[in-house]
Amino acid sequence: MIEEEPIEFRSGIGTDIHRLVEGRKLMLGGVQVPFAMGLQGHSDGDAVLHAVIDALLGAAGLGDIGTLFPDTDPKFKDADSKGFLIAVKEMLAEKKWDIINVDVTIHAEQPRLEQFKGQIRRVIAGLLGIDFGAVNIKAKTNNGIGDIGEGTAISATAIAMIRKKIKRI
């Protein structure tokens, strides 16, 4: 007879920040946002996906993005961060974790992101294989304060909830 133990829930938080530079595409949440600058980074610099990845890894107790995809490894140079998120989703699935929801706040003075929030939600939901309603995206300015407020950087903060049902035989 198989007995089921109570479902285990965990949450994790992730943050990332990158400086804006000329000569790069601006990738946020797997979406290319039209803008004169992009985010500096070893990979594509997608601060939104990087924050989501760290939130998921943190919830599962599996380390962080820098450990799994180090910026010292040339194979990750200019890599599409969507591939990193898919790899993390697969890691969680192997460990029997289901992703419940993801909530993200993007801090950017510019560009204005209102028109891109739905598209970012769709991309993240699709990559994670979860319902569109289980992903939330918010965009905030820093009201002129610090690097973000001066328009020289963009950051993202994400929280994720995961669950595991443990079966005993």
N, C-alpha and C. Protein backbone atom coordinates (compact mmCIF):
# COMPACT_ATOMS: atom_id res chain seq x y z
N MET A 1 0.84 -1.18 0.00
CA MET A 1 0.00 0.00 0.00
C MET A 1 0.89 1.25 0.00
N ILE A 2 0.49 2.22 -0.79
CA ILE A 2 1.25 3.46 -0.86
C ILE A 2 0.55 4.50 0.01
N GLU A 3 1.32 5.05 0.94
CA GLU A 3 0.81 6.14 1.78
C GLU A 3 1.43 7.44 1.30
N GLU A 4 0.62 8.48 1.30
CA GLU A 4 1.15 9.78 0.92
C GLU A 4 1.36 10.63 2.15
N GLU A 5 2.54 11.21 2.23
CA GLU A 5 2.83 12.15 3.30
C GLU A 5 2.26 13.51 2.91
N PRO A 6 2.16 14.41 3.84
CA PRO A 6 1.67 15.75 3.51
C PRO A 6 2.56 16.39 2.44
N ILE A 7 1.93 17.26 1.67
CA ILE A 7 2.66 17.99 0.64
C ILE A 7 3.60 18.98 1.32
N GLU A 8 4.83 19.05 0.81
CA GLU A 8 5.81 20.00 1.32
C GLU A 8 5.84 21.21 0.40
N PHE A 9 5.70 22.39 0.95
CA PHE A 9 5.79 23.63 0.20
C PHE A 9 7.06 24.37 0.60
N ARG A 10 7.68 25.01 -0.39
CA ARG A 10 8.86 25.84 -0.13
C ARG A 10 8.77 27.09 -1.00
N SER A 11 9.39 28.15 -0.51
CA SER A 11 9.50 29.36 -1.32
C SER A 11 10.96 29.78 -1.38
N GLY A 12 11.28 30.49 -2.44
CA GLY A 12 12.64 31.00 -2.61
C GLY A 12 12.59 32.38 -3.21
N ILE A 13 13.64 33.14 -2.98
CA ILE A 13 13.73 34.50 -3.51
C ILE A 13 15.01 34.62 -4.33
N GLY A 14 14.92 35.41 -5.39
CA GLY A 14 16.09 35.64 -6.23
C GLY A 14 16.16 37.10 -6.63
N THR A 15 17.35 37.62 -6.74
CA THR A 15 17.55 38.99 -7.21
C THR A 15 18.68 39.02 -8.22
N ASP A 16 18.63 40.01 -9.09
CA ASP A 16 19.72 40.21 -10.03
C ASP A 16 19.71 41.66 -10.48
N ILE A 17 20.87 42.16 -10.81
CA ILE A 17 21.01 43.53 -11.31
C ILE A 17 22.12 43.54 -12.35
N HIS A 18 21.89 44.28 -13.43
CA HIS A 18 22.90 44.45 -14.47
C HIS A 18 22.91 45.90 -14.92
N ARG A 19 24.09 46.35 -15.28
CA ARG A 19 24.27 47.69 -15.80
C ARG A 19 23.82 47.73 -17.27
N LEU A 20 23.21 48.85 -17.67
CA LEU A 20 22.84 49.07 -19.06
C LEU A 20 24.06 49.53 -19.84
N VAL A 21 24.26 48.94 -21.02
CA VAL A 21 25.39 49.29 -21.88
C VAL A 21 24.92 49.35 -23.33
N GLU A 22 25.65 50.09 -24.14
CA GLU A 22 25.35 50.16 -25.57
C GLU A 22 25.85 48.91 -26.26
N GLY A 23 25.24 48.59 -27.40
CA GLY A 23 25.70 47.48 -28.22
C GLY A 23 25.15 46.12 -27.83
N ARG A 24 24.12 46.08 -26.96
CA ARG A 24 23.50 44.80 -26.56
C ARG A 24 21.99 44.92 -26.69
N LYS A 25 21.34 43.77 -26.95
CA LYS A 25 19.89 43.72 -26.94
C LYS A 25 19.42 43.75 -25.49
N LEU A 26 18.28 44.38 -25.25
CA LEU A 26 17.69 44.37 -23.92
C LEU A 26 16.74 43.19 -23.82
N MET A 27 17.16 42.18 -23.04
CA MET A 27 16.35 40.99 -22.81
C MET A 27 15.81 41.05 -21.38
N LEU A 28 14.49 40.97 -21.24
CA LEU A 28 13.85 40.96 -19.94
C LEU A 28 12.78 39.88 -19.93
N GLY A 29 12.95 38.87 -19.13
CA GLY A 29 11.98 37.78 -19.04
C GLY A 29 11.86 36.99 -20.33
N GLY A 30 12.94 36.91 -21.08
CA GLY A 30 12.94 36.17 -22.33
C GLY A 30 12.35 36.94 -23.50
N VAL A 31 12.06 38.22 -23.29
CA VAL A 31 11.48 39.07 -24.32
C VAL A 31 12.48 40.14 -24.70
N GLN A 32 12.68 40.34 -26.00
CA GLN A 32 13.54 41.43 -26.44
C GLN A 32 12.73 42.72 -26.42
N VAL A 33 13.16 43.65 -25.57
CA VAL A 33 12.47 44.93 -25.40
C VAL A 33 13.21 45.97 -26.24
N PRO A 34 12.52 46.64 -27.16
CA PRO A 34 13.20 47.66 -27.97
C PRO A 34 13.72 48.80 -27.10
N PHE A 35 15.02 49.01 -27.14
CA PHE A 35 15.66 50.05 -26.35
C PHE A 35 17.05 50.27 -26.90
N ALA A 36 17.61 51.44 -26.68
CA ALA A 36 18.93 51.80 -27.22
C ALA A 36 20.07 51.05 -26.55
N MET A 37 19.83 50.48 -25.36
CA MET A 37 20.88 49.77 -24.63
C MET A 37 20.36 48.41 -24.17
N GLY A 38 21.30 47.57 -23.76
CA GLY A 38 20.96 46.26 -23.21
C GLY A 38 21.71 46.04 -21.92
N LEU A 39 21.49 44.88 -21.31
CA LEU A 39 22.11 44.60 -20.02
C LEU A 39 23.45 43.89 -20.20
N GLN A 40 24.44 44.41 -19.49
CA GLN A 40 25.79 43.84 -19.52
C GLN A 40 25.77 42.52 -18.76
N GLY A 41 26.44 41.54 -19.31
CA GLY A 41 26.52 40.25 -18.63
C GLY A 41 27.29 39.26 -19.46
N HIS A 42 27.71 38.17 -18.82
CA HIS A 42 28.42 37.12 -19.55
C HIS A 42 27.46 36.42 -20.50
N SER A 43 26.24 36.15 -20.02
CA SER A 43 25.21 35.57 -20.88
C SER A 43 24.48 36.74 -21.54
N ASP A 44 23.18 36.59 -21.78
CA ASP A 44 22.41 37.69 -22.37
C ASP A 44 22.05 38.77 -21.35
N GLY A 45 22.38 38.54 -20.07
CA GLY A 45 22.15 39.54 -19.02
C GLY A 45 20.70 39.70 -18.60
N ASP A 46 19.84 38.73 -18.90
CA ASP A 46 18.41 38.83 -18.61
C ASP A 46 18.18 38.77 -17.10
N ALA A 47 18.14 39.95 -16.45
CA ALA A 47 18.01 40.02 -14.99
C ALA A 47 16.73 39.37 -14.49
N VAL A 48 15.65 39.43 -15.28
CA VAL A 48 14.38 38.84 -14.85
C VAL A 48 14.50 37.32 -14.78
N LEU A 49 14.97 36.69 -15.84
CA LEU A 49 15.10 35.22 -15.81
C LEU A 49 16.13 34.79 -14.78
N HIS A 50 17.19 35.57 -14.61
CA HIS A 50 18.20 35.22 -13.60
C HIS A 50 17.61 35.24 -12.20
N ALA A 51 16.77 36.23 -11.91
CA ALA A 51 16.11 36.30 -10.59
C ALA A 51 15.15 35.13 -10.40
N VAL A 52 14.39 34.77 -11.45
CA VAL A 52 13.47 33.63 -11.37
C VAL A 52 14.25 32.34 -11.13
N ILE A 53 15.35 32.17 -11.84
CA ILE A 53 16.19 30.98 -11.67
C ILE A 53 16.67 30.88 -10.23
N ASP A 54 17.19 31.97 -9.68
CA ASP A 54 17.68 31.92 -8.30
C ASP A 54 16.55 31.67 -7.30
N ALA A 55 15.36 32.20 -7.57
CA ALA A 55 14.22 31.94 -6.68
C ALA A 55 13.87 30.45 -6.67
N LEU A 56 13.83 29.85 -7.85
CA LEU A 56 13.51 28.42 -7.95
C LEU A 56 14.60 27.55 -7.31
N LEU A 57 15.86 27.87 -7.60
CA LEU A 57 16.96 27.11 -7.02
C LEU A 57 16.97 27.26 -5.50
N GLY A 58 16.71 28.46 -5.01
CA GLY A 58 16.67 28.69 -3.57
C GLY A 58 15.56 27.89 -2.91
N ALA A 59 14.39 27.87 -3.52
CA ALA A 59 13.27 27.13 -2.96
C ALA A 59 13.59 25.65 -2.84
N ALA A 60 14.27 25.12 -3.84
CA ALA A 60 14.61 23.69 -3.85
C ALA A 60 15.91 23.37 -3.12
N GLY A 61 16.61 24.39 -2.64
CA GLY A 61 17.88 24.17 -1.94
C GLY A 61 18.97 23.66 -2.87
N LEU A 62 18.97 24.16 -4.12
CA LEU A 62 19.90 23.66 -5.13
C LEU A 62 20.96 24.67 -5.55
N GLY A 63 21.28 25.61 -4.67
CA GLY A 63 22.36 26.55 -4.98
C GLY A 63 21.88 27.80 -5.67
N ASP A 64 22.70 28.28 -6.63
CA ASP A 64 22.37 29.53 -7.32
C ASP A 64 22.84 29.48 -8.76
N ILE A 65 22.43 30.49 -9.52
CA ILE A 65 22.72 30.53 -10.95
C ILE A 65 24.22 30.57 -11.22
N GLY A 66 24.97 31.30 -10.40
CA GLY A 66 26.42 31.41 -10.61
C GLY A 66 27.16 30.11 -10.43
N THR A 67 26.63 29.23 -9.58
CA THR A 67 27.24 27.92 -9.38
C THR A 67 26.96 27.00 -10.56
N LEU A 68 25.71 27.03 -11.05
CA LEU A 68 25.33 26.14 -12.15
C LEU A 68 25.82 26.62 -13.51
N PHE A 69 25.80 27.93 -13.72
CA PHE A 69 26.16 28.51 -15.01
C PHE A 69 27.19 29.63 -14.79
N PRO A 70 28.41 29.28 -14.39
CA PRO A 70 29.40 30.29 -14.00
C PRO A 70 29.82 31.19 -15.16
N ASP A 71 30.06 32.46 -14.82
CA ASP A 71 30.48 33.42 -15.85
C ASP A 71 31.94 33.23 -16.25
N THR A 72 32.60 32.26 -15.64
CA THR A 72 33.96 31.93 -16.02
C THR A 72 34.00 30.84 -17.10
N ASP A 73 32.84 30.26 -17.42
CA ASP A 73 32.77 29.19 -18.40
C ASP A 73 32.42 29.78 -19.77
N PRO A 74 33.32 29.65 -20.74
CA PRO A 74 33.09 30.26 -22.06
C PRO A 74 31.85 29.72 -22.77
N LYS A 75 31.36 28.53 -22.41
CA LYS A 75 30.18 28.00 -23.10
C LYS A 75 28.92 28.80 -22.76
N PHE A 76 28.97 29.61 -21.71
CA PHE A 76 27.81 30.43 -21.34
C PHE A 76 27.92 31.87 -21.86
N LYS A 77 28.99 32.17 -22.59
CA LYS A 77 29.18 33.51 -23.15
C LYS A 77 28.04 33.81 -24.12
N ASP A 78 27.32 34.90 -23.86
CA ASP A 78 26.19 35.36 -24.67
C ASP A 78 25.05 34.34 -24.76
N ALA A 79 25.00 33.40 -23.81
CA ALA A 79 23.96 32.37 -23.81
C ALA A 79 22.58 32.96 -23.58
N ASP A 80 21.58 32.34 -24.17
CA ASP A 80 20.19 32.71 -23.98
C ASP A 80 19.74 32.17 -22.62
N SER A 81 19.33 33.06 -21.74
CA SER A 81 18.95 32.66 -20.38
C SER A 81 17.71 31.77 -20.34
N LYS A 82 16.95 31.73 -21.42
CA LYS A 82 15.81 30.81 -21.47
C LYS A 82 16.30 29.37 -21.32
N GLY A 83 17.44 29.06 -21.89
CA GLY A 83 18.01 27.72 -21.76
C GLY A 83 18.38 27.40 -20.32
N PHE A 84 18.86 28.39 -19.59
CA PHE A 84 19.17 28.20 -18.16
C PHE A 84 17.89 27.87 -17.38
N LEU A 85 16.81 28.62 -17.67
CA LEU A 85 15.56 28.39 -16.94
C LEU A 85 14.98 27.02 -17.25
N ILE A 86 15.06 26.60 -18.49
CA ILE A 86 14.58 25.26 -18.85
C ILE A 86 15.39 24.19 -18.12
N ALA A 87 16.70 24.36 -18.06
CA ALA A 87 17.55 23.39 -17.35
C ALA A 87 17.19 23.33 -15.87
N VAL A 88 16.90 24.46 -15.25
CA VAL A 88 16.53 24.49 -13.83
C VAL A 88 15.17 23.84 -13.64
N LYS A 89 14.22 24.12 -14.53
CA LYS A 89 12.90 23.46 -14.46
C LYS A 89 13.06 21.94 -14.50
N GLU A 90 13.92 21.46 -15.39
CA GLU A 90 14.16 20.02 -15.51
C GLU A 90 14.82 19.46 -14.25
N MET A 91 15.74 20.21 -13.65
CA MET A 91 16.37 19.78 -12.39
C MET A 91 15.32 19.62 -11.30
N LEU A 92 14.42 20.58 -11.20
CA LEU A 92 13.37 20.51 -10.19
C LEU A 92 12.45 19.32 -10.45
N ALA A 93 12.11 19.09 -11.70
CA ALA A 93 11.23 17.96 -12.05
C ALA A 93 11.89 16.63 -11.66
N GLU A 94 13.20 16.51 -11.91
CA GLU A 94 13.92 15.28 -11.52
C GLU A 94 13.86 15.04 -10.02
N LYS A 95 13.81 16.12 -9.26
CA LYS A 95 13.76 16.03 -7.79
C LYS A 95 12.32 16.02 -7.28
N LYS A 96 11.35 15.89 -8.22
CA LYS A 96 9.91 15.78 -7.90
C LYS A 96 9.30 17.06 -7.36
N TRP A 97 9.84 18.22 -7.74
CA TRP A 97 9.27 19.50 -7.34
C TRP A 97 8.38 20.02 -8.44
N ASP A 98 7.18 20.48 -8.09
CA ASP A 98 6.27 21.17 -9.01
C ASP A 98 6.37 22.67 -8.73
N ILE A 99 6.36 23.45 -9.78
CA ILE A 99 6.40 24.90 -9.62
C ILE A 99 4.96 25.39 -9.51
N ILE A 100 4.67 26.10 -8.42
CA ILE A 100 3.32 26.60 -8.16
C ILE A 100 3.12 27.98 -8.77
N ASN A 101 4.00 28.91 -8.43
CA ASN A 101 3.86 30.27 -8.97
C ASN A 101 5.18 31.03 -8.89
N VAL A 102 5.23 32.10 -9.66
CA VAL A 102 6.39 32.99 -9.69
C VAL A 102 5.86 34.42 -9.71
N ASP A 103 6.45 35.27 -8.87
CA ASP A 103 6.08 36.69 -8.82
C ASP A 103 7.37 37.49 -8.98
N VAL A 104 7.38 38.44 -9.91
CA VAL A 104 8.59 39.19 -10.24
C VAL A 104 8.31 40.69 -10.19
N THR A 105 9.26 41.43 -9.64
CA THR A 105 9.26 42.89 -9.72
C THR A 105 10.50 43.32 -10.49
N ILE A 106 10.29 44.10 -11.54
CA ILE A 106 11.39 44.64 -12.34
C ILE A 106 11.55 46.11 -11.94
N HIS A 107 12.77 46.50 -11.60
CA HIS A 107 13.07 47.89 -11.25
C HIS A 107 13.84 48.51 -12.40
N ALA A 108 13.19 49.46 -13.08
CA ALA A 108 13.81 50.13 -14.23
C ALA A 108 13.25 51.53 -14.37
N GLU A 109 14.11 52.49 -14.46
CA GLU A 109 13.65 53.86 -14.70
C GLU A 109 13.19 53.99 -16.15
N GLN A 110 13.91 53.32 -17.03
CA GLN A 110 13.57 53.28 -18.44
C GLN A 110 14.06 51.97 -19.01
N PRO A 111 13.48 51.41 -20.01
CA PRO A 111 12.27 51.86 -20.69
C PRO A 111 11.02 51.56 -19.87
N ARG A 112 9.91 52.15 -20.23
CA ARG A 112 8.63 51.84 -19.60
C ARG A 112 8.24 50.43 -20.04
N LEU A 113 7.79 49.61 -19.11
CA LEU A 113 7.59 48.19 -19.39
C LEU A 113 6.14 47.73 -19.40
N GLU A 114 5.20 48.62 -19.17
CA GLU A 114 3.79 48.23 -19.08
C GLU A 114 3.34 47.36 -20.26
N GLN A 115 3.69 47.75 -21.47
CA GLN A 115 3.22 47.02 -22.65
C GLN A 115 3.90 45.66 -22.83
N PHE A 116 4.94 45.36 -22.06
CA PHE A 116 5.66 44.09 -22.21
C PHE A 116 5.35 43.08 -21.11
N LYS A 117 4.65 43.51 -20.05
CA LYS A 117 4.43 42.63 -18.90
C LYS A 117 3.66 41.36 -19.28
N GLY A 118 2.64 41.46 -20.08
CA GLY A 118 1.88 40.28 -20.50
C GLY A 118 2.73 39.30 -21.29
N GLN A 119 3.54 39.83 -22.20
CA GLN A 119 4.41 38.98 -23.01
C GLN A 119 5.45 38.27 -22.14
N ILE A 120 6.01 38.99 -21.17
CA ILE A 120 6.99 38.39 -20.26
C ILE A 120 6.31 37.27 -19.45
N ARG A 121 5.08 37.52 -18.99
CA ARG A 121 4.33 36.48 -18.25
C ARG A 121 4.15 35.23 -19.10
N ARG A 122 3.75 35.43 -20.38
CA ARG A 122 3.53 34.29 -21.27
C ARG A 122 4.81 33.49 -21.48
N VAL A 123 5.92 34.19 -21.68
CA VAL A 123 7.19 33.49 -21.91
C VAL A 123 7.59 32.68 -20.68
N ILE A 124 7.54 33.29 -19.52
CA ILE A 124 7.94 32.58 -18.30
C ILE A 124 7.00 31.41 -18.02
N ALA A 125 5.70 31.62 -18.14
CA ALA A 125 4.73 30.54 -17.92
C ALA A 125 5.00 29.39 -18.90
N GLY A 126 5.25 29.73 -20.16
CA GLY A 126 5.52 28.70 -21.16
C GLY A 126 6.80 27.92 -20.88
N LEU A 127 7.86 28.64 -20.51
CA LEU A 127 9.13 27.97 -20.21
C LEU A 127 9.00 27.04 -19.01
N LEU A 128 8.20 27.46 -18.01
CA LEU A 128 8.06 26.66 -16.79
C LEU A 128 6.94 25.63 -16.88
N GLY A 129 6.12 25.72 -17.91
CA GLY A 129 5.00 24.78 -18.06
C GLY A 129 3.94 24.98 -16.99
N ILE A 130 3.72 26.26 -16.61
CA ILE A 130 2.69 26.55 -15.61
C ILE A 130 1.67 27.51 -16.22
N ASP A 131 0.53 27.65 -15.56
CA ASP A 131 -0.54 28.50 -16.04
C ASP A 131 -0.10 29.98 -16.07
N PHE A 132 -0.59 30.68 -17.08
CA PHE A 132 -0.32 32.11 -17.22
C PHE A 132 -0.67 32.86 -15.93
N GLY A 133 -1.76 32.46 -15.28
CA GLY A 133 -2.20 33.11 -14.05
C GLY A 133 -1.29 32.84 -12.86
N ALA A 134 -0.37 31.91 -13.00
CA ALA A 134 0.56 31.60 -11.91
C ALA A 134 1.85 32.42 -12.00
N VAL A 135 1.91 33.32 -12.96
CA VAL A 135 3.07 34.21 -13.13
C VAL A 135 2.58 35.64 -13.03
N ASN A 136 3.25 36.44 -12.23
CA ASN A 136 2.91 37.85 -12.09
C ASN A 136 4.16 38.69 -12.33
N ILE A 137 3.98 39.77 -13.07
CA ILE A 137 5.08 40.68 -13.38
C ILE A 137 4.67 42.09 -12.99
N LYS A 138 5.53 42.75 -12.22
CA LYS A 138 5.33 44.14 -11.85
C LYS A 138 6.55 44.94 -12.30
N ALA A 139 6.32 46.19 -12.69
CA ALA A 139 7.44 47.06 -13.07
C ALA A 139 7.37 48.32 -12.22
N LYS A 140 8.49 48.68 -11.64
CA LYS A 140 8.58 49.85 -10.76
C LYS A 140 9.78 50.70 -11.18
N THR A 141 9.66 51.99 -10.94
CA THR A 141 10.83 52.86 -11.11
C THR A 141 11.48 53.02 -9.74
N ASN A 142 12.65 53.59 -9.73
CA ASN A 142 13.35 53.87 -8.46
C ASN A 142 13.30 55.35 -8.12
N ASN A 143 12.40 56.06 -8.79
CA ASN A 143 12.17 57.48 -8.51
C ASN A 143 13.46 58.31 -8.48
N GLY A 144 14.36 58.01 -9.42
CA GLY A 144 15.58 58.78 -9.54
C GLY A 144 16.67 58.43 -8.54
N ILE A 145 16.47 57.38 -7.75
CA ILE A 145 17.43 57.02 -6.68
C ILE A 145 18.37 55.93 -7.16
N GLY A 146 19.67 56.11 -6.94
CA GLY A 146 20.68 55.10 -7.23
C GLY A 146 20.88 54.84 -8.71
N ASP A 147 21.65 53.80 -9.03
CA ASP A 147 21.97 53.45 -10.42
C ASP A 147 20.71 53.17 -11.23
N ILE A 148 19.74 52.49 -10.63
CA ILE A 148 18.51 52.18 -11.35
C ILE A 148 17.75 53.48 -11.62
N GLY A 149 17.62 54.31 -10.62
CA GLY A 149 16.92 55.57 -10.77
C GLY A 149 17.59 56.52 -11.75
N GLU A 150 18.89 56.42 -11.87
CA GLU A 150 19.64 57.25 -12.83
C GLU A 150 19.58 56.66 -14.24
N GLY A 151 18.96 55.48 -14.38
CA GLY A 151 18.81 54.87 -15.70
C GLY A 151 20.04 54.16 -16.20
N THR A 152 20.94 53.77 -15.29
CA THR A 152 22.16 53.08 -15.72
C THR A 152 22.14 51.59 -15.40
N ALA A 153 21.08 51.10 -14.77
CA ALA A 153 20.98 49.68 -14.42
C ALA A 153 19.52 49.27 -14.34
N ILE A 154 19.29 47.97 -14.44
CA ILE A 154 17.97 47.38 -14.25
C ILE A 154 18.14 46.19 -13.31
N SER A 155 17.21 46.05 -12.37
CA SER A 155 17.26 44.90 -11.47
C SER A 155 15.91 44.19 -11.47
N ALA A 156 15.92 42.98 -10.94
CA ALA A 156 14.69 42.20 -10.80
C ALA A 156 14.76 41.41 -9.51
N THR A 157 13.62 41.26 -8.88
CA THR A 157 13.46 40.42 -7.69
C THR A 157 12.33 39.45 -7.97
N ALA A 158 12.53 38.18 -7.64
CA ALA A 158 11.50 37.16 -7.88
C ALA A 158 11.32 36.31 -6.65
N ILE A 159 10.11 35.85 -6.47
CA ILE A 159 9.82 34.84 -5.45
C ILE A 159 9.09 33.71 -6.16
N ALA A 160 9.38 32.50 -5.74
CA ALA A 160 8.74 31.32 -6.34
C ALA A 160 8.30 30.38 -5.24
N MET A 161 7.19 29.70 -5.51
CA MET A 161 6.73 28.66 -4.59
C MET A 161 6.73 27.33 -5.34
N ILE A 162 7.22 26.30 -4.66
CA ILE A 162 7.25 24.96 -5.23
C ILE A 162 6.62 23.99 -4.23
N ARG A 163 6.23 22.82 -4.71
CA ARG A 163 5.67 21.80 -3.80
C ARG A 163 6.15 20.42 -4.21
N LYS A 164 6.18 19.55 -3.21
CA LYS A 164 6.56 18.15 -3.44
C LYS A 164 5.64 17.28 -2.60
N LYS A 165 5.14 16.24 -3.24
CA LYS A 165 4.36 15.25 -2.53
C LYS A 165 5.24 14.02 -2.40
N ILE A 166 5.51 13.61 -1.19
CA ILE A 166 6.38 12.48 -0.94
C ILE A 166 5.54 11.22 -0.74
N LYS A 167 5.85 10.18 -1.47
CA LYS A 167 5.12 8.91 -1.33
C LYS A 167 5.98 7.89 -0.62
N ARG A 168 5.38 7.20 0.32
CA ARG A 168 6.06 6.12 1.02
C ARG A 168 5.42 4.79 0.60
N ILE A 169 6.24 3.81 0.39
CA ILE A 169 5.72 2.48 0.04
C ILE A 169 5.76 1.58 1.26
